[in-house]
């Protein structure tokens, strides 16, 4: 069977992270959503996404196909129901299309397919804040999935452990003179990752492949540090998708960072309003501020964005793609893509300059900045121009 993950109705609610990737390639827990599905399905998947992303994530159709809404995280029961779908059946949860089966090139009218109700409540990533708020549950599910039947590498004698049975260290990882507390959730340390001396970690926590936790870091539960990222300071219930750095002191809480981001030394975000009211966050779907219903919600920063030293982010700040923030005071709590500046004002970050920085940053990880990357970022620059119309 051929499986296709489609973006679905929640794609715009997951901006700015889905400007640069399909919904399926968001990391929540240890794995990306695509990696979860491919692990359960034991096969590769392709994607239905925005046209400008389709060259990198092409659609592959065969004679028979099952289409899956990528906002839904897989489980044993959900996968069993999807595999049992008959042609022209659609799996539904709370009036949301979860999955359907159709022939290649068939004209599909979902409203006329035979509905099948989902038998259990699924884990869904509908909004940007779900990425961190549901991350603990996702880490626990992924930990069981990828460590089942396997044995952890030996934990060094210099490491202080609580809940040792909930700690898994992959081969090649380096952990010394750290404190790992897995009593409230599992701790996963990926291949060739490193936890430096003096780090304090509470689970649920995931340190992905080739990621680094720097000396004296303080990490609270519900946190994922994606591949090839470097993190120091204090982090609480946050997700770093990968290839990003927060290498110095400063607080990051209830937040999500995309790829190729950099947080300057001693930068902090607020994750709680002074009046303890629910946090409102910029919503690209409505082009206004949406009530998250959360008391704790921090920074949402998309790919290729950066901030200078001592940057202060207000509660519930959204930063688009390839923005550069610096200067004193609090910048606004919605910073468009390709913005340059801070609280004293913003100008447009020209694409050629942004490309030059992206190329240098990616070369440091031995990854080429391609024409495909340029095309994607150029499309985002054009699409988000309306948000920069009042810039100097």
Foldseek 3Di string as FASTA:
>chain_A
DAEEEEQFDLLLQQPPASLAPGQQQFDFAAHGQQVQVCLLVVHHHAYDYDPLCCVVGPHDFDQKYKYAHSQWRDDPQVVVVSVPADAQEFEDEPNGTGMHMYGPPDDDDNVPGHYDYRPDDTQGDRHNLSRLVCRQVRNQVVLCSPCPPHDADDDDPLEAEAPVVQEHEDPLEEEHQEYEYQPPHHEYEEHNEYEDHQEYEYEPEYEYACEYEDHNAYEYYSEYEAENEYAGAYEYSEYENYQEYPHEHEYHYSEYEYHQEYEAHHEYKFFADPVLDFDWAQRSVVRRTHGPVDRGHIEYAYELEYEYHHAYEYHHAYHHYNEYEYDDDYFDRYHFHQWYYGNVFTDGNDLVNSLVVVQVSVVVVPDGCDPSNSSSVVVSCVVRVVVCPPGD
